[in-house]
C-alpha atoms as a PDB file:
ATOM      1  CA  MET A   1     102.771 -36.221  18.861  1.00  0.00           C
ATOM      2  CA  ASN A   2     104.061 -37.731  15.747  1.00  0.00           C
ATOM      3  CA  PHE A   3     102.124 -36.610  12.651  1.00  0.00           C
ATOM      4  CA  ARG A   4     102.096 -40.131  11.122  1.00  0.00           C
ATOM      5  CA  PHE A   5     100.691 -41.600  14.313  1.00  0.00           C
ATOM      6  CA  LEU A   6      97.861 -39.048  14.322  1.00  0.00           C
ATOM      7  CA  ILE A   7      97.010 -39.774  10.667  1.00  0.00           C
ATOM      8  CA  GLY A   8      97.097 -43.516  11.418  1.00  0.00           C
ATOM      9  CA  LEU A   9      94.588 -43.038  14.251  1.00  0.00           C
ATOM     10  CA  VAL A  10      92.237 -41.049  12.024  1.00  0.00           C
ATOM     11  CA  VAL A  11      92.444 -43.586   9.168  1.00  0.00           C
ATOM     12  CA  GLY A  12      91.955 -46.471  11.606  1.00  0.00           C
ATOM     13  CA  TYR A  13      88.912 -44.823  13.145  1.00  0.00           C
ATOM     14  CA  LEU A  14      87.373 -44.152   9.723  1.00  0.00           C
ATOM     15  CA  ALA A  15      87.988 -47.762   8.652  1.00  0.00           C
ATOM     16  CA  TYR A  16      86.361 -48.995  11.874  1.00  0.00           C
ATOM     17  CA  ARG A  17      83.269 -46.834  11.234  1.00  0.00           C
ATOM     18  CA  LEU A  18      82.968 -48.065   7.634  1.00  0.00           C
ATOM     19  CA  VAL A  19      83.223 -51.713   8.657  1.00  0.00           C
ATOM     20  CA  LYS A  20      80.710 -51.229  11.469  1.00  0.00           C
ATOM     21  CA  LYS A  21      78.252 -49.498   9.120  1.00  0.00           C
ATOM     22  CA  GLY A  22      78.694 -52.232   6.498  1.00  0.00           C
ATOM     23  CA  ILE A  23      77.991 -54.992   9.024  1.00  0.00           C
ATOM     24  CA  GLN A  24      74.882 -53.181  10.240  1.00  0.00           C
ATOM     25  CA  ALA A  25      73.588 -52.765   6.663  1.00  0.00           C
ATOM     26  CA  TRP A  26      74.269 -56.444   5.949  1.00  0.00           C
ATOM     27  CA  LYS A  27      72.300 -57.526   9.040  1.00  0.00           C
ATOM     28  CA  GLU A  28      69.338 -55.383   7.991  1.00  0.00           C
ATOM     29  CA  ARG A  29      69.228 -57.068   4.572  1.00  0.00           C
ATOM     30  CA  GLN A  30      69.123 -60.586   6.010  1.00  0.00           C
ATOM     31  CA  PRO A  31      65.722 -62.306   5.760  1.00  0.00           C
ATOM     32  CA  ALA A  32      63.679 -62.525   8.928  1.00  0.00           C
ATOM     33  CA  SER A  33      63.471 -66.310   8.565  1.00  0.00           C
ATOM     34  CA  ARG A  34      66.997 -66.639   9.962  1.00  0.00           C
ATOM     35  CA  GLU A  35      65.668 -65.677  13.381  1.00  0.00           C
ATOM     36  CA  PRO A  36      64.140 -68.761  15.015  1.00  0.00           C
ATOM     37  CA  GLY A  37      60.375 -68.594  15.402  1.00  0.00           C
ATOM     38  CA  SER A  38      60.017 -65.270  13.599  1.00  0.00           C
ATOM     39  CA  ARG A  39      58.089 -66.564  10.600  1.00  0.00           C
ATOM     40  CA  GLU A  40      54.935 -68.621  10.338  1.00  0.00           C
ATOM     41  CA  PRO A  41      55.116 -71.845   8.338  1.00  0.00           C
ATOM     42  CA  GLU A  42      54.080 -71.542   4.721  1.00  0.00           C
ATOM     43  CA  GLU A  43      50.553 -72.749   3.935  1.00  0.00           C
ATOM     44  CA  LEU A  44      50.379 -75.626   1.469  1.00  0.00           C
ATOM     45  CA  VAL A  45      47.355 -76.341  -0.720  1.00  0.00           C
ATOM     46  CA  GLN A  46      46.569 -79.475  -2.696  1.00  0.00           C
ATOM     47  CA  ASP A  47      45.881 -79.470  -6.401  1.00  0.00           C
ATOM     48  CA  PRO A  48      42.529 -81.281  -6.845  1.00  0.00           C
ATOM     49  CA  VAL A  49      43.564 -82.658 -10.253  1.00  0.00           C
ATOM     50  CA  CYS A  50      46.963 -84.247  -9.649  1.00  0.00           C
ATOM     51  CA  GLY A  51      47.130 -84.176  -5.832  1.00  0.00           C
ATOM     52  CA  THR A  52      50.357 -82.187  -5.667  1.00  0.00           C
ATOM     53  CA  PHE A  53      50.916 -79.998  -2.599  1.00  0.00           C
ATOM     54  CA  ILE A  54      52.172 -76.504  -3.441  1.00  0.00           C
ATOM     55  CA  PRO A  55      52.718 -73.258  -1.512  1.00  0.00           C
ATOM     56  CA  ARG A  56      49.543 -71.181  -1.621  1.00  0.00           C
ATOM     57  CA  ARG A  57      51.430 -68.078  -2.778  1.00  0.00           C
ATOM     58  CA  ASP A  58      52.740 -69.963  -5.858  1.00  0.00           C
ATOM     59  CA  ALA A  59      49.470 -71.697  -6.784  1.00  0.00           C
ATOM     60  CA  LEU A  60      47.139 -70.752  -9.611  1.00  0.00           C
ATOM     61  CA  LYS A  61      43.648 -70.012  -8.337  1.00  0.00           C
ATOM     62  CA  GLY A  62      40.352 -71.075  -9.880  1.00  0.00           C
ATOM     63  CA  GLN A  63      36.762 -70.975  -8.688  1.00  0.00           C
ATOM     64  CA  LYS A  64      33.843 -73.324  -9.081  1.00  0.00           C
ATOM     65  CA  ASP A  65      30.438 -72.865  -7.446  1.00  0.00           C
ATOM     66  CA  GLY A  66      31.845 -70.065  -5.283  1.00  0.00           C
ATOM     67  CA  GLN A  67      34.640 -72.206  -3.854  1.00  0.00           C
ATOM     68  CA  ASP A  68      38.346 -71.524  -4.413  1.00  0.00           C
ATOM     69  CA  TYR A  69      40.622 -74.237  -5.793  1.00  0.00           C
ATOM     70  CA  PHE A  70      44.388 -74.070  -6.224  1.00  0.00           C
ATOM     71  CA  PHE A  71      46.469 -75.631  -8.995  1.00  0.00           C
ATOM     72  CA  CYS A  72      50.140 -76.390  -9.616  1.00  0.00           C
ATOM     73  CA  SER A  73      50.039 -75.642 -13.356  1.00  0.00           C
ATOM     74  CA  GLU A  74      47.971 -74.246 -16.213  1.00  0.00           C
ATOM     75  CA  GLY A  75      47.421 -77.813 -17.436  1.00  0.00           C
ATOM     76  CA  CYS A  76      45.761 -78.888 -14.200  1.00  0.00           C
ATOM     77  CA  LEU A  77      43.653 -75.725 -14.139  1.00  0.00           C
ATOM     78  CA  LYS A  78      42.481 -76.307 -17.740  1.00  0.00           C
ATOM     79  CA  ARG A  79      41.724 -79.963 -17.031  1.00  0.00           C
ATOM     80  CA  PHE A  80      39.687 -78.942 -13.966  1.00  0.00           C
ATOM     81  CA  ARG A  81      37.712 -76.387 -15.995  1.00  0.00           C
ATOM     82  CA  ARG A  82      36.912 -78.999 -18.623  1.00  0.00           C
ATOM     83  CA  GLY A  83      35.465 -81.200 -15.871  1.00  0.00           C
ATOM     84  CA  ARG A  84      38.002 -84.028 -15.977  1.00  0.00           C
ATOM     85  CA  PRO A  85      39.641 -84.150 -12.533  1.00  0.00           C
ATOM     86  CA  GLU A  86      42.000 -87.025 -13.375  1.00  0.00           C
END
């Protein structure tokens, strides 16, 4: 066999393995939401002061009489605590 041909095969095989490993790592980093039906819809809550709907995970939380309320901003939360809902 020709020495250059053998080196070319080895380099080609190594390049193939690197590309394959890179693609696999890239797929593992992709968010699960790209797969249809794999993620539940995000829960929205309504701010009782301004009426804005916001994702629950992003909302500020306050309590009154043992009940939880969710707010879009510090301003709405402060207004709610002062007792002026609008």
